[in-house]
Amino acid sequence: MERDQAKPLAPVSDLPSSDDGEVALHLKQVRRKKFVKCFGSVAALAIILAVVIIILIFTVFRVKDPIINMNGVAVTSLELINGTIPKPGSNISVTADVSVKNPNVASFNYRNTTTMLYYYGKVVGDARGPPGRAKAHRIVRMNITIDIIVDRILASPNLVMDVRSGMLTMVSYSRVGGRINILNIIKRHVTVKMNCSMTVNIFSQAIQQQKCKRQVDV
């Protein structure tokens, strides 16, 4: 009986200590706070990055419509009879100074440009310009020569009235189609169209008046 009662107790060091529990709890709380701070930093960085990207898309990277302008038109090779009526069988050459302005941060690659001339609704001449590239924030200018078929003008019943006034009223139609590609992320196909009404002085062979309207299709 004395031997059973004399069994030694467990060492003090083997017993759980309240201090060790508090240390473990403290370390757990510290790790949790570090994780929360790290997660919060990553989340904040992701939000800031997303906001910056959205701002860039709607400001710097926002795709803007290219602008086509008719800077001037020069009439050459105009042969007149008695200084008033165009000579039958001859051609009138018209050189149009056309420019394409690209306001974007990426290049605008355009296909063949098309320009047509109308006299009271009938096509009297057309021309095609070569494809090209307008760099970012640059203007590309091109001269397009159009040969007008005089016989089609002579066949118009409105010619007599225009000859008496000394003015030929004509309409030009220009079309430029192409694509804008920003970092292979934002891609946009655009077609710029422009209609210009002009009045040509028969005697001075100069453009007296010109009004243009632009339209962009996406």
C-alpha atoms as a PDB file:
ATOM      1  CA  MET A   1       0.000   0.000   0.000  1.00  0.00           C
ATOM      2  CA  GLU A   2       2.853   2.381   0.797  1.00  0.00           C
ATOM      3  CA  ARG A   3       4.438   1.649  -2.577  1.00  0.00           C
ATOM      4  CA  ASP A   4       1.206   2.565  -4.395  1.00  0.00           C
ATOM      5  CA  GLN A   5       0.873   5.741  -2.399  1.00  0.00           C
ATOM      6  CA  ALA A   6       4.480   6.696  -3.005  1.00  0.00           C
ATOM      7  CA  LYS A   7       4.171   7.009  -6.806  1.00  0.00           C
ATOM      8  CA  PRO A   8       5.987  10.149  -7.947  1.00  0.00           C
ATOM      9  CA  LEU A   9       3.982  13.014  -9.372  1.00  0.00           C
ATOM     10  CA  ALA A  10       4.549  14.266 -12.968  1.00  0.00           C
ATOM     11  CA  PRO A  11       7.357  16.783 -13.330  1.00  0.00           C
ATOM     12  CA  VAL A  12       6.331  20.381 -13.173  1.00  0.00           C
ATOM     13  CA  SER A  13       7.872  21.041 -16.579  1.00  0.00           C
ATOM     14  CA  ASP A  14       5.558  18.514 -18.247  1.00  0.00           C
ATOM     15  CA  LEU A  15       2.446  20.232 -17.036  1.00  0.00           C
ATOM     16  CA  PRO A  16       0.790  22.848 -19.329  1.00  0.00           C
ATOM     17  CA  SER A  17       1.680  26.387 -18.375  1.00  0.00           C
ATOM     18  CA  SER A  18      -0.715  29.290 -18.625  1.00  0.00           C
ATOM     19  CA  ASP A  19       2.171  31.500 -19.840  1.00  0.00           C
ATOM     20  CA  ASP A  20       2.861  29.173 -22.810  1.00  0.00           C
ATOM     21  CA  GLY A  21      -0.794  29.338 -23.819  1.00  0.00           C
ATOM     22  CA  GLU A  22      -0.774  33.086 -23.746  1.00  0.00           C
ATOM     23  CA  VAL A  23       2.407  33.186 -25.875  1.00  0.00           C
ATOM     24  CA  ALA A  24       0.888  30.823 -28.445  1.00  0.00           C
ATOM     25  CA  LEU A  25      -2.286  32.904 -28.562  1.00  0.00           C
ATOM     26  CA  HIS A  26      -0.251  36.072 -28.955  1.00  0.00           C
ATOM     27  CA  LEU A  27       1.784  34.595 -31.836  1.00  0.00           C
ATOM     28  CA  LYS A  28      -1.419  33.464 -33.511  1.00  0.00           C
ATOM     29  CA  GLN A  29      -2.867  36.969 -33.245  1.00  0.00           C
ATOM     30  CA  VAL A  30       0.351  38.508 -34.623  1.00  0.00           C
ATOM     31  CA  ARG A  31       0.271  36.146 -37.630  1.00  0.00           C
ATOM     32  CA  ARG A  32      -3.367  36.981 -38.230  1.00  0.00           C
ATOM     33  CA  LYS A  33      -2.661  40.725 -38.144  1.00  0.00           C
ATOM     34  CA  LYS A  34       0.248  40.295 -40.588  1.00  0.00           C
ATOM     35  CA  PHE A  35      -1.974  38.285 -42.931  1.00  0.00           C
ATOM     36  CA  VAL A  36      -4.734  40.914 -42.743  1.00  0.00           C
ATOM     37  CA  LYS A  37      -2.223  43.713 -43.416  1.00  0.00           C
ATOM     38  CA  CYS A  38      -0.655  41.805 -46.340  1.00  0.00           C
ATOM     39  CA  PHE A  39      -4.056  40.954 -47.825  1.00  0.00           C
ATOM     40  CA  GLY A  40      -5.210  44.557 -47.369  1.00  0.00           C
ATOM     41  CA  SER A  41      -2.084  45.888 -49.090  1.00  0.00           C
ATOM     42  CA  VAL A  42      -2.532  43.535 -52.056  1.00  0.00           C
ATOM     43  CA  ALA A  43      -6.232  44.405 -52.327  1.00  0.00           C
ATOM     44  CA  ALA A  44      -5.500  48.136 -52.140  1.00  0.00           C
ATOM     45  CA  LEU A  45      -2.802  47.797 -54.812  1.00  0.00           C
ATOM     46  CA  ALA A  46      -5.190  45.862 -57.064  1.00  0.00           C
ATOM     47  CA  ILE A  47      -7.889  48.522 -56.615  1.00  0.00           C
ATOM     48  CA  ILE A  48      -5.435  51.345 -57.365  1.00  0.00           C
ATOM     49  CA  LEU A  49      -4.195  49.498 -60.455  1.00  0.00           C
ATOM     50  CA  ALA A  50      -7.760  48.921 -61.672  1.00  0.00           C
ATOM     51  CA  VAL A  51      -8.623  52.606 -61.141  1.00  0.00           C
ATOM     52  CA  VAL A  52      -5.491  53.707 -63.027  1.00  0.00           C
ATOM     53  CA  ILE A  53      -6.328  51.378 -65.938  1.00  0.00           C
ATOM     54  CA  ILE A  54      -9.911  52.659 -66.075  1.00  0.00           C
ATOM     55  CA  ILE A  55      -8.701  56.273 -66.029  1.00  0.00           C
ATOM     56  CA  LEU A  56      -6.221  55.548 -68.832  1.00  0.00           C
ATOM     57  CA  ILE A  57      -8.889  53.815 -70.920  1.00  0.00           C
ATOM     58  CA  PHE A  58     -11.257  56.766 -70.621  1.00  0.00           C
ATOM     59  CA  THR A  59      -8.574  59.456 -71.044  1.00  0.00           C
ATOM     60  CA  VAL A  60      -5.211  58.698 -72.632  1.00  0.00           C
ATOM     61  CA  PHE A  61      -6.202  55.398 -74.279  1.00  0.00           C
ATOM     62  CA  ARG A  62      -9.685  56.509 -75.303  1.00  0.00           C
ATOM     63  CA  VAL A  63     -10.065  55.961 -79.027  1.00  0.00           C
ATOM     64  CA  LYS A  64     -10.770  59.234 -80.802  1.00  0.00           C
ATOM     65  CA  ASP A  65     -12.159  59.602 -84.282  1.00  0.00           C
ATOM     66  CA  PRO A  66      -9.637  60.462 -87.017  1.00  0.00           C
ATOM     67  CA  ILE A  67     -10.326  63.747 -88.800  1.00  0.00           C
ATOM     68  CA  ILE A  68     -10.256  64.142 -92.577  1.00  0.00           C
ATOM     69  CA  ASN A  69     -10.004  67.614 -94.072  1.00  0.00           C
ATOM     70  CA  MET A  70     -10.223  69.022 -97.578  1.00  0.00           C
ATOM     71  CA  ASN A  71      -7.563  71.734 -97.374  1.00  0.00           C
ATOM     72  CA  GLY A  72      -7.951  72.990-100.914  1.00  0.00           C
ATOM     73  CA  VAL A  73      -8.818  72.138-104.482  1.00  0.00           C
ATOM     74  CA  ALA A  74      -6.965  73.301-107.581  1.00  0.00           C
ATOM     75  CA  VAL A  75      -8.432  73.096-111.104  1.00  0.00           C
ATOM     76  CA  THR A  76      -5.996  72.460-113.945  1.00  0.00           C
ATOM     77  CA  SER A  77      -6.149  71.540-117.638  1.00  0.00           C
ATOM     78  CA  LEU A  78      -9.492  73.246-118.157  1.00  0.00           C
ATOM     79  CA  GLU A  79     -10.002  73.964-121.857  1.00  0.00           C
ATOM     80  CA  LEU A  80     -12.799  76.414-122.660  1.00  0.00           C
ATOM     81  CA  ILE A  81     -14.516  77.406-125.883  1.00  0.00           C
ATOM     82  CA  ASN A  82     -14.834  81.187-126.147  1.00  0.00           C
ATOM     83  CA  GLY A  83     -13.679  81.309-122.539  1.00  0.00           C
ATOM     84  CA  THR A  84     -16.983  79.986-121.220  1.00  0.00           C
ATOM     85  CA  ILE A  85     -17.899  76.403-122.202  1.00  0.00           C
ATOM     86  CA  PRO A  86     -15.615  73.407-121.539  1.00  0.00           C
ATOM     87  CA  LYS A  87     -14.300  71.846-124.727  1.00  0.00           C
ATOM     88  CA  PRO A  88     -16.071  68.571-125.607  1.00  0.00           C
ATOM     89  CA  GLY A  89     -13.888  65.471-125.367  1.00  0.00           C
ATOM     90  CA  SER A  90     -11.415  67.145-123.016  1.00  0.00           C
ATOM     91  CA  ASN A  91     -10.812  66.361-119.380  1.00  0.00           C
ATOM     92  CA  ILE A  92     -10.594  68.685-116.399  1.00  0.00           C
ATOM     93  CA  SER A  93      -7.998  67.747-113.819  1.00  0.00           C
ATOM     94  CA  VAL A  94      -8.779  68.599-110.235  1.00  0.00           C
ATOM     95  CA  THR A  95      -6.139  68.179-107.521  1.00  0.00           C
ATOM     96  CA  ALA A  96      -7.558  67.823-104.032  1.00  0.00           C
ATOM     97  CA  ASP A  97      -5.338  68.471-101.012  1.00  0.00           C
ATOM     98  CA  VAL A  98      -6.654  66.002 -98.423  1.00  0.00           C
ATOM     99  CA  SER A  99      -5.276  65.511 -94.912  1.00  0.00           C
ATOM    100  CA  VAL A 100      -5.915  62.835 -92.293  1.00  0.00           C
ATOM    101  CA  LYS A 101      -5.376  63.838 -88.652  1.00  0.00           C
ATOM    102  CA  ASN A 102      -4.873  61.119 -86.035  1.00  0.00           C
ATOM    103  CA  PRO A 103      -5.534  62.404 -82.466  1.00  0.00           C
ATOM    104  CA  ASN A 104      -4.875  59.009 -80.829  1.00  0.00           C
ATOM    105  CA  VAL A 105      -1.872  57.632 -78.906  1.00  0.00           C
ATOM    106  CA  ALA A 106      -1.599  54.813 -81.473  1.00  0.00           C
ATOM    107  CA  SER A 107      -1.165  54.802 -85.235  1.00  0.00           C
ATOM    108  CA  PHE A 108      -4.112  54.844 -87.615  1.00  0.00           C
ATOM    109  CA  ASN A 109      -3.577  52.431 -90.509  1.00  0.00           C
ATOM    110  CA  TYR A 110      -5.918  53.297 -93.364  1.00  0.00           C
ATOM    111  CA  ARG A 111      -6.777  51.582 -96.604  1.00  0.00           C
ATOM    112  CA  ASN A 112      -7.178  53.121-100.048  1.00  0.00           C
ATOM    113  CA  THR A 113      -8.815  56.534 -99.955  1.00  0.00           C
ATOM    114  CA  THR A 114     -11.700  57.175-102.326  1.00  0.00           C
ATOM    115  CA  THR A 115     -12.725  60.564-103.683  1.00  0.00           C
ATOM    116  CA  MET A 116     -15.616  61.170-106.084  1.00  0.00           C
ATOM    117  CA  LEU A 117     -16.956  64.306-107.735  1.00  0.00           C
ATOM    118  CA  TYR A 118     -20.625  64.888-108.502  1.00  0.00           C
ATOM    119  CA  TYR A 119     -22.287  67.426-110.761  1.00  0.00           C
ATOM    120  CA  TYR A 120     -25.974  67.728-109.879  1.00  0.00           C
ATOM    121  CA  GLY A 121     -26.115  64.168-108.568  1.00  0.00           C
ATOM    122  CA  LYS A 122     -24.153  62.491-111.374  1.00  0.00           C
ATOM    123  CA  VAL A 123     -20.618  61.147-110.982  1.00  0.00           C
ATOM    124  CA  VAL A 124     -18.287  63.094-113.262  1.00  0.00           C
ATOM    125  CA  GLY A 125     -14.948  61.906-111.854  1.00  0.00           C
ATOM    126  CA  ASP A 126     -13.336  59.714-109.230  1.00  0.00           C
ATOM    127  CA  ALA A 127      -9.894  58.831-107.905  1.00  0.00           C
ATOM    128  CA  ARG A 128      -8.247  56.512-105.410  1.00  0.00           C
ATOM    129  CA  GLY A 129      -5.366  57.320-103.114  1.00  0.00           C
ATOM    130  CA  PRO A 130      -2.844  54.764-101.805  1.00  0.00           C
ATOM    131  CA  PRO A 131      -3.110  53.214 -98.328  1.00  0.00           C
ATOM    132  CA  GLY A 132      -0.977  54.720 -95.596  1.00  0.00           C
ATOM    133  CA  ARG A 133      -0.343  55.218 -91.923  1.00  0.00           C
ATOM    134  CA  ALA A 134      -0.972  58.242 -89.739  1.00  0.00           C
ATOM    135  CA  LYS A 135       1.275  58.129 -86.676  1.00  0.00           C
ATOM    136  CA  ALA A 136       0.027  59.103 -83.231  1.00  0.00           C
ATOM    137  CA  HIS A 137      -0.878  62.794 -82.959  1.00  0.00           C
ATOM    138  CA  ARG A 138       0.278  63.402 -86.546  1.00  0.00           C
ATOM    139  CA  ILE A 139      -1.283  64.697 -89.761  1.00  0.00           C
ATOM    140  CA  VAL A 140      -0.790  62.988 -93.110  1.00  0.00           C
ATOM    141  CA  ARG A 141      -1.396  65.058 -96.235  1.00  0.00           C
ATOM    142  CA  MET A 142      -1.932  63.719 -99.725  1.00  0.00           C
ATOM    143  CA  ASN A 143      -2.696  65.191-103.124  1.00  0.00           C
ATOM    144  CA  ILE A 144      -5.353  63.295-105.065  1.00  0.00           C
ATOM    145  CA  THR A 145      -5.746  64.081-108.761  1.00  0.00           C
ATOM    146  CA  ILE A 146      -9.219  63.594-110.218  1.00  0.00           C
ATOM    147  CA  ASP A 147      -9.892  63.584-113.945  1.00  0.00           C
ATOM    148  CA  ILE A 148     -13.349  64.977-114.629  1.00  0.00           C
ATOM    149  CA  ILE A 149     -15.232  63.680-117.666  1.00  0.00           C
ATOM    150  CA  VAL A 150     -16.312  66.881-119.399  1.00  0.00           C
ATOM    151  CA  ASP A 151     -18.882  65.176-121.632  1.00  0.00           C
ATOM    152  CA  ARG A 152     -20.940  64.247-118.573  1.00  0.00           C
ATOM    153  CA  ILE A 153     -20.959  67.888-117.486  1.00  0.00           C
ATOM    154  CA  LEU A 154     -21.959  69.043-120.980  1.00  0.00           C
ATOM    155  CA  ALA A 155     -24.884  66.604-120.918  1.00  0.00           C
ATOM    156  CA  SER A 156     -26.351  68.251-117.833  1.00  0.00           C
ATOM    157  CA  PRO A 157     -29.262  70.654-118.419  1.00  0.00           C
ATOM    158  CA  ASN A 158     -27.930  72.817-115.588  1.00  0.00           C
ATOM    159  CA  LEU A 159     -24.720  73.695-117.456  1.00  0.00           C
ATOM    160  CA  VAL A 160     -26.206  76.653-119.336  1.00  0.00           C
ATOM    161  CA  MET A 161     -27.339  78.287-116.088  1.00  0.00           C
ATOM    162  CA  ASP A 162     -23.940  77.701-114.457  1.00  0.00           C
ATOM    163  CA  VAL A 163     -22.074  79.071-117.477  1.00  0.00           C
ATOM    164  CA  ARG A 164     -24.139  82.260-117.389  1.00  0.00           C
ATOM    165  CA  SER A 165     -23.311  82.706-113.712  1.00  0.00           C
ATOM    166  CA  GLY A 166     -19.657  81.833-114.330  1.00  0.00           C
ATOM    167  CA  MET A 167     -19.745  79.230-111.563  1.00  0.00           C
ATOM    168  CA  LEU A 168     -19.848  75.426-111.536  1.00  0.00           C
ATOM    169  CA  THR A 169     -21.443  73.897-108.459  1.00  0.00           C
ATOM    170  CA  MET A 170     -19.955  70.506-107.595  1.00  0.00           C
ATOM    171  CA  VAL A 171     -19.944  68.069-104.680  1.00  0.00           C
ATOM    172  CA  SER A 172     -17.032  65.906-103.559  1.00  0.00           C
ATOM    173  CA  TYR A 173     -17.236  62.736-101.499  1.00  0.00           C
ATOM    174  CA  SER A 174     -14.160  61.337 -99.733  1.00  0.00           C
ATOM    175  CA  ARG A 175     -13.925  58.100 -97.786  1.00  0.00           C
ATOM    176  CA  VAL A 176     -11.091  56.762 -95.603  1.00  0.00           C
ATOM    177  CA  GLY A 177     -11.387  53.452 -93.750  1.00  0.00           C
ATOM    178  CA  GLY A 178      -8.856  51.965 -91.367  1.00  0.00           C
ATOM    179  CA  ARG A 179      -8.060  50.581 -87.933  1.00  0.00           C
ATOM    180  CA  ILE A 180      -6.691  51.915 -84.655  1.00  0.00           C
ATOM    181  CA  ASN A 181      -4.851  49.413 -82.444  1.00  0.00           C
ATOM    182  CA  ILE A 182      -3.740  50.396 -78.918  1.00  0.00           C
ATOM    183  CA  LEU A 183      -1.342  47.865 -77.353  1.00  0.00           C
ATOM    184  CA  ASN A 184      -3.258  45.006 -79.000  1.00  0.00           C
ATOM    185  CA  ILE A 185      -5.871  45.520 -76.285  1.00  0.00           C
ATOM    186  CA  ILE A 186      -8.137  48.211 -77.676  1.00  0.00           C
ATOM    187  CA  LYS A 187      -8.932  47.750 -81.375  1.00  0.00           C
ATOM    188  CA  ARG A 188     -11.358  49.796 -83.381  1.00  0.00           C
ATOM    189  CA  HIS A 189     -12.292  49.926 -87.052  1.00  0.00           C
ATOM    190  CA  VAL A 190     -13.405  53.352 -88.266  1.00  0.00           C
ATOM    191  CA  THR A 191     -14.525  54.808 -91.566  1.00  0.00           C
ATOM    192  CA  VAL A 192     -14.335  58.562 -92.009  1.00  0.00           C
ATOM    193  CA  LYS A 193     -16.563  60.116 -94.662  1.00  0.00           C
ATOM    194  CA  MET A 194     -16.643  63.711 -95.858  1.00  0.00           C
ATOM    195  CA  ASN A 195     -18.987  65.556 -98.194  1.00  0.00           C
ATOM    196  CA  CYS A 196     -17.946  68.937 -99.572  1.00  0.00           C
ATOM    197  CA  SER A 197     -19.993  71.290-101.720  1.00  0.00           C
ATOM    198  CA  MET A 198     -17.883  73.699-103.761  1.00  0.00           C
ATOM    199  CA  THR A 199     -18.308  76.415-106.324  1.00  0.00           C
ATOM    200  CA  VAL A 200     -15.699  76.589-109.108  1.00  0.00           C
ATOM    201  CA  ASN A 201     -15.096  79.860-110.923  1.00  0.00           C
ATOM    202  CA  ILE A 202     -15.048  79.014-114.619  1.00  0.00           C
ATOM    203  CA  PHE A 203     -12.856  81.966-115.592  1.00  0.00           C
ATOM    204  CA  SER A 204     -10.244  81.929-112.801  1.00  0.00           C
ATOM    205  CA  GLN A 205     -10.495  78.131-112.398  1.00  0.00           C
ATOM    206  CA  ALA A 206     -10.378  78.619-108.610  1.00  0.00           C
ATOM    207  CA  ILE A 207     -12.614  77.418-105.802  1.00  0.00           C
ATOM    208  CA  GLN A 208     -14.812  80.300-104.693  1.00  0.00           C
ATOM    209  CA  GLN A 209     -16.706  78.606-101.898  1.00  0.00           C
ATOM    210  CA  GLN A 210     -16.487  75.309-100.036  1.00  0.00           C
ATOM    211  CA  LYS A 211     -18.458  73.710 -97.199  1.00  0.00           C
ATOM    212  CA  CYS A 212     -17.677  70.280 -95.766  1.00  0.00           C
ATOM    213  CA  LYS A 213     -19.435  67.867 -93.413  1.00  0.00           C
ATOM    214  CA  ARG A 214     -17.772  64.864 -91.783  1.00  0.00           C
ATOM    215  CA  GLN A 215     -19.228  61.566 -90.604  1.00  0.00           C
ATOM    216  CA  VAL A 216     -17.549  58.697 -88.728  1.00  0.00           C
ATOM    217  CA  ASP A 217     -18.809  55.122 -88.827  1.00  0.00           C
ATOM    218  CA  VAL A 218     -17.503  52.480 -86.386  1.00  0.00           C
END
